[in-house]
Each structure stands twice: as structure tokens, then as C-alpha cells.
N, C-alpha and C. Protein backbone atom coordinates (compact mmCIF):
# COMPACT_ATOMS: atom_id res chain seq x y z
N UNK A 1 85.21 3.66 -13.21
CA UNK A 1 85.20 3.20 -14.58
C UNK A 1 84.80 4.34 -15.50
N UNK A 2 85.36 4.39 -16.67
CA UNK A 2 85.04 5.41 -17.66
C UNK A 2 83.63 5.21 -18.20
N UNK A 3 83.03 6.28 -18.69
CA UNK A 3 81.72 6.12 -19.33
C UNK A 3 81.83 5.18 -20.53
N UNK A 4 80.77 4.45 -20.78
CA UNK A 4 80.73 3.50 -21.88
C UNK A 4 79.71 3.99 -22.90
N UNK A 5 80.11 4.11 -24.16
CA UNK A 5 79.16 4.44 -25.21
C UNK A 5 78.46 3.16 -25.65
N UNK A 6 77.14 3.23 -25.69
CA UNK A 6 76.34 2.09 -26.11
C UNK A 6 75.59 2.47 -27.38
N UNK A 7 75.71 1.64 -28.38
CA UNK A 7 75.01 1.84 -29.64
C UNK A 7 73.72 1.03 -29.59
N UNK A 8 72.61 1.66 -29.92
CA UNK A 8 71.32 0.97 -30.01
C UNK A 8 70.86 1.07 -31.46
N UNK A 9 70.58 -0.08 -32.06
CA UNK A 9 70.13 -0.12 -33.45
C UNK A 9 68.70 -0.67 -33.50
N UNK A 10 67.90 -0.07 -34.35
CA UNK A 10 66.54 -0.57 -34.54
C UNK A 10 66.53 -1.52 -35.73
N UNK A 11 65.92 -2.68 -35.52
CA UNK A 11 65.77 -3.69 -36.56
C UNK A 11 64.29 -4.00 -36.70
N UNK A 12 63.93 -4.77 -37.69
CA UNK A 12 62.52 -5.11 -37.93
C UNK A 12 61.86 -5.78 -36.73
N UNK A 13 62.64 -6.57 -35.99
CA UNK A 13 62.05 -7.34 -34.88
C UNK A 13 62.40 -6.77 -33.50
N UNK A 14 62.88 -5.52 -33.43
CA UNK A 14 63.18 -4.91 -32.14
C UNK A 14 64.46 -4.10 -32.18
N UNK A 15 65.05 -3.93 -31.02
CA UNK A 15 66.26 -3.13 -30.87
C UNK A 15 67.39 -3.98 -30.33
N UNK A 16 68.61 -3.66 -30.77
CA UNK A 16 69.82 -4.36 -30.33
C UNK A 16 70.81 -3.31 -29.85
N UNK A 17 71.50 -3.62 -28.73
CA UNK A 17 72.49 -2.70 -28.20
C UNK A 17 73.81 -3.38 -27.95
N UNK A 18 74.89 -2.61 -28.08
CA UNK A 18 76.22 -3.13 -27.79
C UNK A 18 77.14 -1.97 -27.41
N UNK A 19 78.14 -2.24 -26.55
CA UNK A 19 79.06 -1.18 -26.15
C UNK A 19 80.20 -1.01 -27.16
N UNK A 20 80.65 0.23 -27.33
CA UNK A 20 81.82 0.49 -28.17
C UNK A 20 83.08 0.30 -27.35
N UNK A 21 84.13 -0.19 -27.96
CA UNK A 21 85.42 -0.31 -27.31
C UNK A 21 85.64 -1.60 -26.55
N UNK A 22 84.67 -2.49 -26.54
CA UNK A 22 84.82 -3.76 -25.83
C UNK A 22 85.71 -4.67 -26.64
N UNK A 23 86.73 -5.28 -26.00
CA UNK A 23 87.76 -6.02 -26.74
C UNK A 23 87.68 -7.54 -26.63
N UNK A 24 86.96 -8.08 -25.66
CA UNK A 24 87.08 -9.51 -25.36
C UNK A 24 85.83 -10.30 -25.73
N UNK A 25 85.44 -10.27 -26.97
CA UNK A 25 84.27 -11.05 -27.37
C UNK A 25 83.11 -10.14 -27.74
N UNK A 26 81.93 -10.48 -27.25
CA UNK A 26 80.74 -9.70 -27.59
C UNK A 26 79.85 -9.53 -26.37
N UNK A 27 79.34 -8.33 -26.21
CA UNK A 27 78.30 -8.05 -25.23
C UNK A 27 77.16 -7.45 -26.03
N UNK A 28 75.99 -8.06 -25.94
CA UNK A 28 74.85 -7.60 -26.71
C UNK A 28 73.62 -7.63 -25.82
N UNK A 29 72.78 -6.63 -25.98
CA UNK A 29 71.48 -6.60 -25.32
C UNK A 29 70.40 -6.43 -26.36
N UNK A 30 69.18 -6.74 -25.99
CA UNK A 30 68.09 -6.60 -26.95
C UNK A 30 66.81 -6.28 -26.22
N UNK A 31 65.83 -5.79 -26.97
CA UNK A 31 64.54 -5.51 -26.39
C UNK A 31 63.55 -5.07 -27.46
N UNK A 32 62.29 -5.02 -27.08
CA UNK A 32 61.26 -4.59 -28.02
C UNK A 32 61.24 -3.07 -28.16
N UNK A 33 61.81 -2.35 -27.17
CA UNK A 33 61.89 -0.89 -27.23
C UNK A 33 63.34 -0.45 -27.04
N UNK A 34 63.60 0.80 -27.34
CA UNK A 34 64.92 1.39 -27.14
C UNK A 34 65.33 1.24 -25.68
N UNK A 35 64.43 1.59 -24.77
CA UNK A 35 64.72 1.55 -23.34
C UNK A 35 65.03 0.13 -22.86
N UNK A 36 64.28 -0.85 -23.35
CA UNK A 36 64.54 -2.25 -22.97
C UNK A 36 65.91 -2.71 -23.46
N UNK A 37 66.26 -2.35 -24.68
CA UNK A 37 67.57 -2.74 -25.23
C UNK A 37 68.70 -2.07 -24.46
N UNK A 38 68.52 -0.81 -24.11
CA UNK A 38 69.54 -0.10 -23.33
C UNK A 38 69.71 -0.73 -21.96
N UNK A 39 68.61 -1.02 -21.28
CA UNK A 39 68.68 -1.65 -19.95
C UNK A 39 69.30 -3.04 -20.04
N UNK A 40 68.97 -3.81 -21.05
CA UNK A 40 69.51 -5.16 -21.20
C UNK A 40 71.01 -5.11 -21.49
N UNK A 41 71.45 -4.15 -22.29
CA UNK A 41 72.87 -3.99 -22.61
C UNK A 41 73.64 -3.58 -21.36
N UNK A 42 73.09 -2.64 -20.59
CA UNK A 42 73.75 -2.24 -19.33
C UNK A 42 73.86 -3.42 -18.37
N UNK A 43 72.81 -4.22 -18.31
CA UNK A 43 72.83 -5.40 -17.45
C UNK A 43 73.91 -6.39 -17.91
N UNK A 44 74.05 -6.57 -19.21
CA UNK A 44 75.07 -7.48 -19.74
C UNK A 44 76.48 -6.97 -19.42
N UNK A 45 76.68 -5.65 -19.50
CA UNK A 45 77.98 -5.06 -19.14
C UNK A 45 78.27 -5.28 -17.66
N UNK A 46 77.29 -5.00 -16.81
CA UNK A 46 77.45 -5.21 -15.37
C UNK A 46 77.78 -6.66 -15.05
N UNK A 47 77.09 -7.60 -15.71
CA UNK A 47 77.33 -9.02 -15.50
C UNK A 47 78.76 -9.37 -15.87
N UNK A 48 79.22 -8.89 -17.03
CA UNK A 48 80.57 -9.20 -17.48
C UNK A 48 81.60 -8.69 -16.48
N UNK A 49 81.46 -7.43 -16.06
CA UNK A 49 82.42 -6.83 -15.13
C UNK A 49 82.39 -7.56 -13.79
N UNK A 50 81.22 -7.92 -13.31
CA UNK A 50 81.10 -8.64 -12.04
C UNK A 50 81.80 -9.99 -12.09
N UNK A 51 81.70 -10.69 -13.21
CA UNK A 51 82.25 -12.04 -13.31
C UNK A 51 83.70 -12.11 -13.79
N UNK A 52 84.11 -11.14 -14.62
CA UNK A 52 85.45 -11.21 -15.22
C UNK A 52 86.36 -10.05 -14.82
N UNK A 53 85.78 -8.99 -14.26
CA UNK A 53 86.57 -7.84 -13.82
C UNK A 53 86.59 -6.73 -14.86
N UNK A 54 86.70 -5.51 -14.35
CA UNK A 54 86.70 -4.34 -15.23
C UNK A 54 87.93 -4.31 -16.13
N UNK A 55 89.05 -4.85 -15.67
CA UNK A 55 90.26 -4.83 -16.48
C UNK A 55 90.09 -5.61 -17.78
N UNK A 56 89.28 -6.65 -17.78
CA UNK A 56 89.06 -7.43 -19.00
C UNK A 56 88.06 -6.76 -19.93
N UNK A 57 87.30 -5.81 -19.42
CA UNK A 57 86.33 -5.11 -20.26
C UNK A 57 87.04 -4.18 -21.23
N UNK A 58 88.06 -3.45 -20.75
CA UNK A 58 88.76 -2.47 -21.58
C UNK A 58 89.95 -3.12 -22.20
């Protein structure tokens, strides 16, 4: 699988992450820190690919 760019944004109540280039809905992660949001977003991507397949991700 190609590398995935993940955007992490800081908001008043924590951090939110999402992958760029995802076409089929929304994958979002969140956390109180940058690292937590990044890990949660990666976990959400892994979950999506495991359940729906990598072909549906791109």
C-alpha cells in the first residue's frame, strides 16, 4: 500500500486527524495529544482496510 498522508489539526478540545485522498466517506481519529490523534487515525485506517479492503480506501 502507498504511504498515506495524515493531517492532524489542533482544536480547543484536543487534536483531530484524517487521511488525505480517502474517497469513500470519512475516517477520523482524535486524541488529547498529537500522538494520540495520530495513533487513533492510523487505527481507524487499519480497521477500514481490514473490513472493506484496500481497494475501497483509494
